[in-house]
């Protein structure tokens, strides 16, 4: 017997009702936030608004820039490049052979003349050029856990190719530590030796947290390929501040790192003799190096970039304000804001 017409249409009607119920259930609740109908501020960039803002920014930025440049000019700095001057004349054609020969005398004397009075503390920096510490393979070749936790001393998975030497893990491992800067400087003023204070040249967070007081150098620079400087195995890494400064990798190929401080004043015209031990191999990659003496100002070292940036920004704002003012006077454009905004508000 064939089913009745009502029975035949029953399943279809139920399905339509279910779909309608699901649509109603999935329909989001109406709210001004979900429908993006909340009142909003829609400012119109009229000349009467833009020109005063540009004038204000220009008037504020230019004095700030002048102040930054003045603070930079008060910093006294003496720099001396020595990578060529400290190579013997008979080795100028082959400086790589000179620097790689352990029997070759690496001592060198440089003379610095103080241009202006330098108030203590006087910071000593070494500067390297064309050294890419930001190279990805170089910067990743280290293990931060190993530096602070003695239990992770054997974890050298991230340190290739300087992970182990003679099958024994290296502490600290990696290319960054392996290439530690090892030129040394000593300073004298006439017959007086100027002491170099190397305490506190690293960040406190590095001494207290990153480098462990129970982690000691082990098997460092003992492999077949010797890199830069060595470390005192009797001192924990938390006291090896030269290493801390070096392992804070630089972002640019030209950088300075703090070597120490001189805690006496230097007078204008005085001559400072620098005894350099020229050991660091920058000759293999065409790098350059320099020793720098510098005071510090309110904004740090000598750099006019920030001041020039403020001046450029302030001058650009004043120029734009002047341009908009001239355009408004020469080519006025009447704007009926009520007529333009009326339909949008309804």
C-alpha atoms as a PDB file:
ATOM      1  CA  UNK A   1       0.000   0.000   0.000  1.00  0.00           C
ATOM      2  CA  UNK A   2       1.398   3.428  -0.891  1.00  0.00           C
ATOM      3  CA  UNK A   3       1.929   5.857   1.960  1.00  0.00           C
ATOM      4  CA  UNK A   4      -0.408   8.768   2.376  1.00  0.00           C
ATOM      5  CA  UNK A   5       0.495  12.182   1.011  1.00  0.00           C
ATOM      6  CA  UNK A   6       0.952  13.587   4.506  1.00  0.00           C
ATOM      7  CA  UNK A   7       3.355  10.784   5.449  1.00  0.00           C
ATOM      8  CA  UNK A   8       5.380  11.302   2.251  1.00  0.00           C
ATOM      9  CA  UNK A   9       5.886  15.007   2.940  1.00  0.00           C
ATOM     10  CA  UNK A  10       6.671  14.510   6.624  1.00  0.00           C
ATOM     11  CA  UNK A  11      10.456  13.900   6.463  1.00  0.00           C
ATOM     12  CA  UNK A  12      11.023  16.858   4.129  1.00  0.00           C
ATOM     13  CA  UNK A  13       9.084  19.236   6.379  1.00  0.00           C
ATOM     14  CA  UNK A  14      11.015  18.053   9.441  1.00  0.00           C
ATOM     15  CA  UNK A  15      14.308  18.602   7.657  1.00  0.00           C
ATOM     16  CA  UNK A  16      13.320  22.117   6.623  1.00  0.00           C
ATOM     17  CA  UNK A  17      12.301  22.889  10.178  1.00  0.00           C
ATOM     18  CA  UNK A  18      15.620  21.575  11.509  1.00  0.00           C
ATOM     19  CA  UNK A  19      17.557  23.732   9.050  1.00  0.00           C
ATOM     20  CA  UNK A  20      15.510  26.775  10.025  1.00  0.00           C
ATOM     21  CA  UNK A  21      16.120  26.045  13.714  1.00  0.00           C
ATOM     22  CA  UNK A  22      19.870  25.663  13.158  1.00  0.00           C
ATOM     23  CA  UNK A  23      20.036  28.896  11.207  1.00  0.00           C
ATOM     24  CA  UNK A  24      18.207  30.697  13.933  1.00  0.00           C
ATOM     25  CA  UNK A  25      20.454  29.154  16.580  1.00  0.00           C
ATOM     26  CA  UNK A  26      23.677  30.036  14.662  1.00  0.00           C
ATOM     27  CA  UNK A  27      22.608  33.585  13.965  1.00  0.00           C
ATOM     28  CA  UNK A  28      24.802  35.922  16.036  1.00  0.00           C
ATOM     29  CA  UNK A  29      23.115  38.053  18.608  1.00  0.00           C
ATOM     30  CA  UNK A  30      22.662  41.575  17.409  1.00  0.00           C
ATOM     31  CA  UNK A  31      24.940  44.092  19.070  1.00  0.00           C
ATOM     32  CA  UNK A  32      26.408  47.373  17.945  1.00  0.00           C
ATOM     33  CA  UNK A  33      29.927  46.048  18.564  1.00  0.00           C
ATOM     34  CA  UNK A  34      29.485  42.901  16.448  1.00  0.00           C
ATOM     35  CA  UNK A  35      27.806  44.891  13.698  1.00  0.00           C
ATOM     36  CA  UNK A  36      30.487  47.620  13.840  1.00  0.00           C
ATOM     37  CA  UNK A  37      27.919  50.316  14.505  1.00  0.00           C
ATOM     38  CA  UNK A  38      29.517  51.878  17.570  1.00  0.00           C
ATOM     39  CA  UNK A  39      30.138  55.632  17.362  1.00  0.00           C
ATOM     40  CA  UNK A  40      33.669  56.378  16.164  1.00  0.00           C
ATOM     41  CA  UNK A  41      35.822  59.426  15.744  1.00  0.00           C
ATOM     42  CA  UNK A  42      36.458  60.173  12.088  1.00  0.00           C
ATOM     43  CA  UNK A  43      38.631  63.289  12.019  1.00  0.00           C
ATOM     44  CA  UNK A  44      38.950  65.245   8.814  1.00  0.00           C
ATOM     45  CA  UNK A  45      42.512  66.374   8.098  1.00  0.00           C
ATOM     46  CA  UNK A  46      41.711  69.968   7.352  1.00  0.00           C
ATOM     47  CA  UNK A  47      44.489  72.548   6.929  1.00  0.00           C
ATOM     48  CA  UNK A  48      43.371  74.282  10.119  1.00  0.00           C
ATOM     49  CA  UNK A  49      44.245  71.069  12.017  1.00  0.00           C
ATOM     50  CA  UNK A  50      47.294  69.758  10.159  1.00  0.00           C
ATOM     51  CA  UNK A  51      49.300  72.994   9.965  1.00  0.00           C
ATOM     52  CA  UNK A  52      49.329  73.686  13.751  1.00  0.00           C
ATOM     53  CA  UNK A  53      50.293  70.075  14.459  1.00  0.00           C
ATOM     54  CA  UNK A  54      53.201  70.235  12.017  1.00  0.00           C
ATOM     55  CA  UNK A  55      54.331  73.560  13.472  1.00  0.00           C
ATOM     56  CA  UNK A  56      54.205  72.151  17.015  1.00  0.00           C
ATOM     57  CA  UNK A  57      56.227  69.044  16.088  1.00  0.00           C
ATOM     58  CA  UNK A  58      58.818  71.111  14.213  1.00  0.00           C
ATOM     59  CA  UNK A  59      59.201  73.644  17.035  1.00  0.00           C
ATOM     60  CA  UNK A  60      59.678  70.817  19.579  1.00  0.00           C
ATOM     61  CA  UNK A  61      61.990  68.596  17.508  1.00  0.00           C
ATOM     62  CA  UNK A  62      64.516  71.258  16.476  1.00  0.00           C
ATOM     63  CA  UNK A  63      65.558  72.253  20.046  1.00  0.00           C
ATOM     64  CA  UNK A  64      65.755  68.587  21.003  1.00  0.00           C
ATOM     65  CA  UNK A  65      68.032  67.922  18.033  1.00  0.00           C
ATOM     66  CA  UNK A  66      70.253  70.877  18.887  1.00  0.00           C
ATOM     67  CA  UNK A  67      70.488  69.647  22.483  1.00  0.00           C
ATOM     68  CA  UNK A  68      71.463  66.136  21.355  1.00  0.00           C
ATOM     69  CA  UNK A  69      74.179  67.517  19.075  1.00  0.00           C
ATOM     70  CA  UNK A  70      75.498  69.744  21.855  1.00  0.00           C
ATOM     71  CA  UNK A  71      75.640  66.775  24.246  1.00  0.00           C
ATOM     72  CA  UNK A  72      77.503  64.734  21.627  1.00  0.00           C
ATOM     73  CA  UNK A  73      80.011  67.535  20.982  1.00  0.00           C
ATOM     74  CA  UNK A  74      80.870  67.669  24.691  1.00  0.00           C
ATOM     75  CA  UNK A  75      82.096  64.070  24.526  1.00  0.00           C
ATOM     76  CA  UNK A  76      85.871  63.861  23.982  1.00  0.00           C
ATOM     77  CA  UNK A  77      87.068  60.912  21.932  1.00  0.00           C
ATOM     78  CA  UNK A  78      90.468  59.708  20.728  1.00  0.00           C
ATOM     79  CA  UNK A  79      90.650  56.778  18.303  1.00  0.00           C
ATOM     80  CA  UNK A  80      93.660  55.070  16.753  1.00  0.00           C
ATOM     81  CA  UNK A  81      93.637  52.347  14.111  1.00  0.00           C
ATOM     82  CA  UNK A  82      96.583  50.017  14.456  1.00  0.00           C
ATOM     83  CA  UNK A  83      95.998  46.871  12.375  1.00  0.00           C
ATOM     84  CA  UNK A  84      98.462  48.072   9.715  1.00  0.00           C
ATOM     85  CA  UNK A  85     100.824  50.122  11.864  1.00  0.00           C
ATOM     86  CA  UNK A  86     101.452  47.170  14.208  1.00  0.00           C
ATOM     87  CA  UNK A  87     102.605  44.840  11.419  1.00  0.00           C
ATOM     88  CA  UNK A  88     106.382  44.828  10.791  1.00  0.00           C
ATOM     89  CA  UNK A  89     107.407  46.425   7.524  1.00  0.00           C
ATOM     90  CA  UNK A  90     108.854  43.192   6.157  1.00  0.00           C
ATOM     91  CA  UNK A  91     105.459  41.471   6.754  1.00  0.00           C
ATOM     92  CA  UNK A  92     103.149  44.100   5.214  1.00  0.00           C
ATOM     93  CA  UNK A  93     102.693  41.927   2.129  1.00  0.00           C
ATOM     94  CA  UNK A  94     101.668  38.905   4.202  1.00  0.00           C
ATOM     95  CA  UNK A  95     100.026  40.012   7.475  1.00  0.00           C
ATOM     96  CA  UNK A  96      98.205  36.664   7.846  1.00  0.00           C
ATOM     97  CA  UNK A  97     101.539  34.846   8.149  1.00  0.00           C
ATOM     98  CA  UNK A  98     102.645  37.418  10.727  1.00  0.00           C
ATOM     99  CA  UNK A  99      99.570  37.060  12.922  1.00  0.00           C
ATOM    100  CA  UNK A 100      99.575  33.239  12.709  1.00  0.00           C
ATOM    101  CA  UNK A 101     103.255  32.881  13.613  1.00  0.00           C
ATOM    102  CA  UNK A 102     103.409  32.307  17.407  1.00  0.00           C
ATOM    103  CA  UNK A 103     107.137  33.101  17.515  1.00  0.00           C
ATOM    104  CA  UNK A 104     106.635  36.562  15.993  1.00  0.00           C
ATOM    105  CA  UNK A 105     106.690  39.454  18.458  1.00  0.00           C
ATOM    106  CA  UNK A 106     103.207  40.985  18.620  1.00  0.00           C
ATOM    107  CA  UNK A 107     104.030  44.000  20.798  1.00  0.00           C
ATOM    108  CA  UNK A 108     103.424  47.456  19.388  1.00  0.00           C
ATOM    109  CA  UNK A 109     103.493  50.993  20.781  1.00  0.00           C
ATOM    110  CA  UNK A 110     101.000  53.670  19.822  1.00  0.00           C
ATOM    111  CA  UNK A 111     100.895  57.313  20.912  1.00  0.00           C
ATOM    112  CA  UNK A 112      97.641  59.188  21.552  1.00  0.00           C
ATOM    113  CA  UNK A 113      97.424  62.942  22.110  1.00  0.00           C
ATOM    114  CA  UNK A 114      94.535  64.180  24.220  1.00  0.00           C
ATOM    115  CA  UNK A 115      92.729  66.981  22.279  1.00  0.00           C
ATOM    116  CA  UNK A 116      90.642  68.316  25.206  1.00  0.00           C
ATOM    117  CA  UNK A 117      90.327  67.770  28.924  1.00  0.00           C
ATOM    118  CA  UNK A 118      88.896  64.319  29.614  1.00  0.00           C
ATOM    119  CA  UNK A 119      87.110  63.846  32.926  1.00  0.00           C
ATOM    120  CA  UNK A 120      87.086  60.463  34.564  1.00  0.00           C
ATOM    121  CA  UNK A 121      85.922  57.835  34.065  1.00  0.00           C
ATOM    122  CA  UNK A 122      87.520  57.493  30.650  1.00  0.00           C
ATOM    123  CA  UNK A 123      86.170  54.486  28.795  1.00  0.00           C
ATOM    124  CA  UNK A 124      88.412  52.234  26.739  1.00  0.00           C
ATOM    125  CA  UNK A 125      86.860  50.508  23.745  1.00  0.00           C
ATOM    126  CA  UNK A 126      88.166  48.238  21.048  1.00  0.00           C
ATOM    127  CA  UNK A 127      86.572  48.726  17.655  1.00  0.00           C
ATOM    128  CA  UNK A 128      86.287  46.118  14.927  1.00  0.00           C
ATOM    129  CA  UNK A 129      85.237  46.741  11.331  1.00  0.00           C
ATOM    130  CA  UNK A 130      83.943  44.197   8.805  1.00  0.00           C
ATOM    131  CA  UNK A 131      83.256  41.646  11.543  1.00  0.00           C
ATOM    132  CA  UNK A 132      79.766  40.201  11.117  1.00  0.00           C
ATOM    133  CA  UNK A 133      78.739  39.024  14.567  1.00  0.00           C
ATOM    134  CA  UNK A 134      75.136  39.103  13.346  1.00  0.00           C
ATOM    135  CA  UNK A 135      75.735  36.222  10.923  1.00  0.00           C
ATOM    136  CA  UNK A 136      73.075  33.600  11.620  1.00  0.00           C
ATOM    137  CA  UNK A 137      75.392  30.596  11.928  1.00  0.00           C
ATOM    138  CA  UNK A 138      77.822  32.536  14.073  1.00  0.00           C
ATOM    139  CA  UNK A 139      75.247  34.072  16.430  1.00  0.00           C
ATOM    140  CA  UNK A 140      73.475  30.718  16.992  1.00  0.00           C
ATOM    141  CA  UNK A 141      76.671  28.813  17.754  1.00  0.00           C
ATOM    142  CA  UNK A 142      76.298  28.873  21.549  1.00  0.00           C
ATOM    143  CA  UNK A 143      74.290  27.296  24.351  1.00  0.00           C
ATOM    144  CA  UNK A 144      72.884  29.784  26.859  1.00  0.00           C
ATOM    145  CA  UNK A 145      71.866  27.042  29.303  1.00  0.00           C
ATOM    146  CA  UNK A 146      75.436  25.798  29.421  1.00  0.00           C
ATOM    147  CA  UNK A 147      76.668  29.256  30.437  1.00  0.00           C
ATOM    148  CA  UNK A 148      74.519  29.395  33.566  1.00  0.00           C
ATOM    149  CA  UNK A 149      73.842  25.799  34.644  1.00  0.00           C
ATOM    150  CA  UNK A 150      76.708  23.418  35.491  1.00  0.00           C
ATOM    151  CA  UNK A 151      74.372  20.468  34.877  1.00  0.00           C
ATOM    152  CA  UNK A 152      74.162  21.488  31.196  1.00  0.00           C
ATOM    153  CA  UNK A 153      77.929  21.516  30.650  1.00  0.00           C
ATOM    154  CA  UNK A 154      77.739  18.507  28.324  1.00  0.00           C
ATOM    155  CA  UNK A 155      74.921  19.954  26.234  1.00  0.00           C
ATOM    156  CA  UNK A 156      76.763  21.212  23.137  1.00  0.00           C
ATOM    157  CA  UNK A 157      74.170  20.418  20.465  1.00  0.00           C
ATOM    158  CA  UNK A 158      73.853  24.045  19.360  1.00  0.00           C
ATOM    159  CA  UNK A 159      77.577  24.787  19.375  1.00  0.00           C
ATOM    160  CA  UNK A 160      78.836  23.181  16.193  1.00  0.00           C
ATOM    161  CA  UNK A 161      81.504  23.329  14.866  1.00  0.00           C
ATOM    162  CA  UNK A 162      83.148  24.226  18.218  1.00  0.00           C
ATOM    163  CA  UNK A 163      81.297  21.723  20.407  1.00  0.00           C
ATOM    164  CA  UNK A 164      83.918  19.222  21.534  1.00  0.00           C
ATOM    165  CA  UNK A 165      87.699  18.880  21.508  1.00  0.00           C
ATOM    166  CA  UNK A 166      89.282  15.440  21.709  1.00  0.00           C
ATOM    167  CA  UNK A 167      85.825  14.033  22.420  1.00  0.00           C
ATOM    168  CA  UNK A 168      85.313  16.210  25.512  1.00  0.00           C
ATOM    169  CA  UNK A 169      82.667  18.985  25.638  1.00  0.00           C
ATOM    170  CA  UNK A 170      83.922  22.556  25.517  1.00  0.00           C
ATOM    171  CA  UNK A 171      82.768  25.064  28.137  1.00  0.00           C
ATOM    172  CA  UNK A 172      81.847  27.635  26.912  1.00  0.00           C
ATOM    173  CA  UNK A 173      81.196  26.107  23.524  1.00  0.00           C
ATOM    174  CA  UNK A 174      80.392  27.689  20.172  1.00  0.00           C
ATOM    175  CA  UNK A 175      81.939  30.047  17.656  1.00  0.00           C
ATOM    176  CA  UNK A 176      81.116  33.207  19.610  1.00  0.00           C
ATOM    177  CA  UNK A 177      83.181  32.226  22.642  1.00  0.00           C
ATOM    178  CA  UNK A 178      85.840  30.581  20.472  1.00  0.00           C
ATOM    179  CA  UNK A 179      86.507  33.870  18.634  1.00  0.00           C
ATOM    180  CA  UNK A 180      86.994  35.884  21.850  1.00  0.00           C
ATOM    181  CA  UNK A 181      88.909  39.141  21.282  1.00  0.00           C
ATOM    182  CA  UNK A 182      92.432  38.800  22.677  1.00  0.00           C
ATOM    183  CA  UNK A 183      94.316  42.017  21.907  1.00  0.00           C
ATOM    184  CA  UNK A 184      95.495  43.655  25.135  1.00  0.00           C
ATOM    185  CA  UNK A 185      96.309  47.272  26.003  1.00  0.00           C
ATOM    186  CA  UNK A 186      98.283  49.009  28.722  1.00  0.00           C
ATOM    187  CA  UNK A 187      98.476  52.771  29.127  1.00  0.00           C
ATOM    188  CA  UNK A 188     101.063  55.197  30.441  1.00  0.00           C
ATOM    189  CA  UNK A 189     101.259  58.966  30.835  1.00  0.00           C
ATOM    190  CA  UNK A 190     104.907  59.902  30.890  1.00  0.00           C
ATOM    191  CA  UNK A 191     106.443  57.713  33.601  1.00  0.00           C
ATOM    192  CA  UNK A 192     103.063  57.084  35.224  1.00  0.00           C
ATOM    193  CA  UNK A 193     101.225  53.860  34.474  1.00  0.00           C
ATOM    194  CA  UNK A 194      97.497  54.328  34.058  1.00  0.00           C
ATOM    195  CA  UNK A 195      95.625  51.483  35.699  1.00  0.00           C
ATOM    196  CA  UNK A 196      92.772  49.922  33.745  1.00  0.00           C
ATOM    197  CA  UNK A 197      89.692  48.970  35.759  1.00  0.00           C
ATOM    198  CA  UNK A 198      87.955  46.006  34.114  1.00  0.00           C
ATOM    199  CA  UNK A 199      85.365  45.391  36.806  1.00  0.00           C
ATOM    200  CA  UNK A 200      81.765  46.269  36.057  1.00  0.00           C
ATOM    201  CA  UNK A 201      82.188  46.463  32.280  1.00  0.00           C
ATOM    202  CA  UNK A 202      79.432  43.887  31.743  1.00  0.00           C
ATOM    203  CA  UNK A 203      75.726  44.137  32.512  1.00  0.00           C
ATOM    204  CA  UNK A 204      74.548  43.205  35.995  1.00  0.00           C
ATOM    205  CA  UNK A 205      71.927  40.881  34.523  1.00  0.00           C
ATOM    206  CA  UNK A 206      74.713  38.965  32.759  1.00  0.00           C
ATOM    207  CA  UNK A 207      76.775  38.574  35.934  1.00  0.00           C
ATOM    208  CA  UNK A 208      73.824  37.646  38.139  1.00  0.00           C
ATOM    209  CA  UNK A 209      71.695  35.505  35.835  1.00  0.00           C
ATOM    210  CA  UNK A 210      73.133  34.589  32.445  1.00  0.00           C
ATOM    211  CA  UNK A 211      76.629  33.440  33.432  1.00  0.00           C
ATOM    212  CA  UNK A 212      76.749  31.000  36.349  1.00  0.00           C
ATOM    213  CA  UNK A 213      78.995  31.337  39.382  1.00  0.00           C
ATOM    214  CA  UNK A 214      79.490  27.557  39.446  1.00  0.00           C
ATOM    215  CA  UNK A 215      80.325  27.147  35.751  1.00  0.00           C
ATOM    216  CA  UNK A 216      84.064  27.050  34.995  1.00  0.00           C
ATOM    217  CA  UNK A 217      85.832  27.065  31.623  1.00  0.00           C
ATOM    218  CA  UNK A 218      86.771  23.568  30.573  1.00  0.00           C
ATOM    219  CA  UNK A 219      88.613  22.273  27.530  1.00  0.00           C
ATOM    220  CA  UNK A 220      88.535  25.798  26.078  1.00  0.00           C
ATOM    221  CA  UNK A 221      90.908  26.568  23.158  1.00  0.00           C
ATOM    222  CA  UNK A 222      92.463  23.106  23.495  1.00  0.00           C
ATOM    223  CA  UNK A 223      91.422  21.670  20.131  1.00  0.00           C
ATOM    224  CA  UNK A 224      93.335  21.547  16.881  1.00  0.00           C
ATOM    225  CA  UNK A 225      92.032  24.946  15.744  1.00  0.00           C
ATOM    226  CA  UNK A 226      92.774  27.819  18.115  1.00  0.00           C
ATOM    227  CA  UNK A 227      90.541  30.860  17.854  1.00  0.00           C
ATOM    228  CA  UNK A 228      90.893  34.000  19.951  1.00  0.00           C
ATOM    229  CA  UNK A 229      91.561  34.576  23.627  1.00  0.00           C
ATOM    230  CA  UNK A 230      91.814  32.112  26.475  1.00  0.00           C
ATOM    231  CA  UNK A 231      89.974  32.012  29.796  1.00  0.00           C
ATOM    232  CA  UNK A 232      91.204  31.492  33.350  1.00  0.00           C
ATOM    233  CA  UNK A 233      89.974  28.002  34.323  1.00  0.00           C
ATOM    234  CA  UNK A 234      90.094  28.908  38.021  1.00  0.00           C
ATOM    235  CA  UNK A 235      87.476  31.664  37.656  1.00  0.00           C
ATOM    236  CA  UNK A 236      83.760  30.995  37.099  1.00  0.00           C
ATOM    237  CA  UNK A 237      82.095  32.460  34.034  1.00  0.00           C
ATOM    238  CA  UNK A 238      80.291  34.994  36.235  1.00  0.00           C
ATOM    239  CA  UNK A 239      83.682  36.682  36.797  1.00  0.00           C
ATOM    240  CA  UNK A 240      84.897  36.548  33.187  1.00  0.00           C
ATOM    241  CA  UNK A 241      83.595  39.952  32.153  1.00  0.00           C
ATOM    242  CA  UNK A 242      85.618  40.167  28.931  1.00  0.00           C
ATOM    243  CA  UNK A 243      83.754  37.070  27.765  1.00  0.00           C
ATOM    244  CA  UNK A 244      80.385  38.544  28.735  1.00  0.00           C
ATOM    245  CA  UNK A 245      81.020  41.727  26.766  1.00  0.00           C
ATOM    246  CA  UNK A 246      82.206  39.777  23.724  1.00  0.00           C
ATOM    247  CA  UNK A 247      79.272  37.357  23.705  1.00  0.00           C
ATOM    248  CA  UNK A 248      76.775  40.229  23.561  1.00  0.00           C
ATOM    249  CA  UNK A 249      76.839  40.059  19.764  1.00  0.00           C
ATOM    250  CA  UNK A 250      76.724  43.272  17.753  1.00  0.00           C
ATOM    251  CA  UNK A 251      74.037  44.029  15.176  1.00  0.00           C
ATOM    252  CA  UNK A 252      76.317  45.830  12.712  1.00  0.00           C
ATOM    253  CA  UNK A 253      79.659  44.862  11.136  1.00  0.00           C
ATOM    254  CA  UNK A 254      81.341  47.913  12.714  1.00  0.00           C
ATOM    255  CA  UNK A 255      81.076  47.900  16.488  1.00  0.00           C
ATOM    256  CA  UNK A 256      82.785  48.872  19.710  1.00  0.00           C
ATOM    257  CA  UNK A 257      83.006  46.863  22.897  1.00  0.00           C
ATOM    258  CA  UNK A 258      84.032  48.075  26.320  1.00  0.00           C
ATOM    259  CA  UNK A 259      87.538  47.004  27.367  1.00  0.00           C
ATOM    260  CA  UNK A 260      87.862  48.877  30.669  1.00  0.00           C
ATOM    261  CA  UNK A 261      88.016  52.279  32.352  1.00  0.00           C
ATOM    262  CA  UNK A 262      90.756  54.722  33.327  1.00  0.00           C
ATOM    263  CA  UNK A 263      89.880  56.333  36.648  1.00  0.00           C
ATOM    264  CA  UNK A 264      91.987  59.503  36.352  1.00  0.00           C
ATOM    265  CA  UNK A 265      91.546  62.795  34.489  1.00  0.00           C
ATOM    266  CA  UNK A 266      93.554  63.577  31.372  1.00  0.00           C
ATOM    267  CA  UNK A 267      94.479  67.119  30.421  1.00  0.00           C
ATOM    268  CA  UNK A 268      94.460  68.638  26.969  1.00  0.00           C
ATOM    269  CA  UNK A 269      97.778  68.180  25.196  1.00  0.00           C
ATOM    270  CA  UNK A 270      98.919  65.220  27.304  1.00  0.00           C
ATOM    271  CA  UNK A 271     100.424  62.250  25.498  1.00  0.00           C
ATOM    272  CA  UNK A 272      99.225  58.740  26.343  1.00  0.00           C
ATOM    273  CA  UNK A 273     101.397  55.810  25.299  1.00  0.00           C
ATOM    274  CA  UNK A 274      99.523  52.611  24.498  1.00  0.00           C
ATOM    275  CA  UNK A 275     101.363  49.287  24.562  1.00  0.00           C
ATOM    276  CA  UNK A 276      99.398  46.959  22.277  1.00  0.00           C
ATOM    277  CA  UNK A 277      99.662  43.205  22.031  1.00  0.00           C
ATOM    278  CA  UNK A 278      98.423  42.703  18.476  1.00  0.00           C
ATOM    279  CA  UNK A 279      97.194  39.090  18.570  1.00  0.00           C
ATOM    280  CA  UNK A 280      93.686  39.135  17.125  1.00  0.00           C
ATOM    281  CA  UNK A 281      93.499  37.906  13.541  1.00  0.00           C
ATOM    282  CA  UNK A 282      91.451  40.386  11.537  1.00  0.00           C
ATOM    283  CA  UNK A 283      93.758  40.036   8.544  1.00  0.00           C
ATOM    284  CA  UNK A 284      92.229  36.794   7.262  1.00  0.00           C
ATOM    285  CA  UNK A 285      88.933  38.527   6.462  1.00  0.00           C
ATOM    286  CA  UNK A 286      90.202  42.047   5.738  1.00  0.00           C
ATOM    287  CA  UNK A 287      88.971  43.491   9.007  1.00  0.00           C
ATOM    288  CA  UNK A 288      90.205  46.561  10.826  1.00  0.00           C
ATOM    289  CA  UNK A 289      90.639  47.340  14.500  1.00  0.00           C
ATOM    290  CA  UNK A 290      91.204  50.396  16.657  1.00  0.00           C
ATOM    291  CA  UNK A 291      91.584  51.406  20.289  1.00  0.00           C
ATOM    292  CA  UNK A 292      89.333  54.232  21.477  1.00  0.00           C
ATOM    293  CA  UNK A 293      89.438  56.468  24.545  1.00  0.00           C
ATOM    294  CA  UNK A 294      86.193  58.305  25.207  1.00  0.00           C
ATOM    295  CA  UNK A 295      84.297  60.156  27.872  1.00  0.00           C
ATOM    296  CA  UNK A 296      80.531  59.830  28.234  1.00  0.00           C
ATOM    297  CA  UNK A 297      77.792  62.418  28.058  1.00  0.00           C
ATOM    298  CA  UNK A 298      74.141  62.514  29.022  1.00  0.00           C
ATOM    299  CA  UNK A 299      73.263  60.393  25.964  1.00  0.00           C
ATOM    300  CA  UNK A 300      76.273  58.077  26.102  1.00  0.00           C
ATOM    301  CA  UNK A 301      79.149  58.193  23.646  1.00  0.00           C
ATOM    302  CA  UNK A 302      79.889  60.543  20.793  1.00  0.00           C
ATOM    303  CA  UNK A 303      77.228  60.260  18.098  1.00  0.00           C
ATOM    304  CA  UNK A 304      75.402  63.016  16.256  1.00  0.00           C
ATOM    305  CA  UNK A 305      72.936  60.687  14.503  1.00  0.00           C
ATOM    306  CA  UNK A 306      70.088  61.186  16.984  1.00  0.00           C
ATOM    307  CA  UNK A 307      70.445  64.970  16.927  1.00  0.00           C
ATOM    308  CA  UNK A 308      70.556  65.076  13.137  1.00  0.00           C
ATOM    309  CA  UNK A 309      67.487  62.842  12.937  1.00  0.00           C
ATOM    310  CA  UNK A 310      65.529  65.229  15.206  1.00  0.00           C
ATOM    311  CA  UNK A 311      66.697  68.227  13.187  1.00  0.00           C
ATOM    312  CA  UNK A 312      65.743  66.591   9.905  1.00  0.00           C
ATOM    313  CA  UNK A 313      62.310  65.628  11.238  1.00  0.00           C
ATOM    314  CA  UNK A 314      61.676  69.093  12.680  1.00  0.00           C
ATOM    315  CA  UNK A 315      62.798  70.837   9.492  1.00  0.00           C
ATOM    316  CA  UNK A 316      60.592  68.553   7.386  1.00  0.00           C
ATOM    317  CA  UNK A 317      57.553  69.351   9.557  1.00  0.00           C
ATOM    318  CA  UNK A 318      58.187  73.088   9.346  1.00  0.00           C
ATOM    319  CA  UNK A 319      58.671  72.855   5.587  1.00  0.00           C
ATOM    320  CA  UNK A 320      55.409  70.953   5.158  1.00  0.00           C
ATOM    321  CA  UNK A 321      53.576  73.461   7.346  1.00  0.00           C
ATOM    322  CA  UNK A 322      54.906  76.317   5.248  1.00  0.00           C
ATOM    323  CA  UNK A 323      53.993  74.530   2.012  1.00  0.00           C
ATOM    324  CA  UNK A 324      50.433  73.817   3.163  1.00  0.00           C
ATOM    325  CA  UNK A 325      50.038  77.423   4.304  1.00  0.00           C
ATOM    326  CA  UNK A 326      51.111  78.741   0.910  1.00  0.00           C
ATOM    327  CA  UNK A 327      48.808  76.312  -0.895  1.00  0.00           C
ATOM    328  CA  UNK A 328      45.925  77.371   1.339  1.00  0.00           C
ATOM    329  CA  UNK A 329      46.545  81.049   0.604  1.00  0.00           C
ATOM    330  CA  UNK A 330      47.200  80.724  -3.113  1.00  0.00           C
ATOM    331  CA  UNK A 331      44.698  77.992  -3.951  1.00  0.00           C
ATOM    332  CA  UNK A 332      41.901  78.063  -1.352  1.00  0.00           C
ATOM    333  CA  UNK A 333      39.401  75.223  -1.640  1.00  0.00           C
ATOM    334  CA  UNK A 334      36.010  75.938   0.009  1.00  0.00           C
ATOM    335  CA  UNK A 335      34.712  72.948   1.900  1.00  0.00           C
ATOM    336  CA  UNK A 336      31.086  72.722   2.994  1.00  0.00           C
ATOM    337  CA  UNK A 337      31.476  70.161   5.773  1.00  0.00           C
ATOM    338  CA  UNK A 338      27.780  70.161   6.762  1.00  0.00           C
ATOM    339  CA  UNK A 339      26.719  69.263   3.237  1.00  0.00           C
ATOM    340  CA  UNK A 340      29.421  66.599   2.924  1.00  0.00           C
ATOM    341  CA  UNK A 341      28.815  64.966   6.299  1.00  0.00           C
ATOM    342  CA  UNK A 342      25.020  65.319   6.347  1.00  0.00           C
ATOM    343  CA  UNK A 343      24.112  62.213   4.294  1.00  0.00           C
ATOM    344  CA  UNK A 344      26.731  60.122   6.130  1.00  0.00           C
ATOM    345  CA  UNK A 345      25.170  60.914   9.511  1.00  0.00           C
ATOM    346  CA  UNK A 346      21.650  59.863   8.542  1.00  0.00           C
END
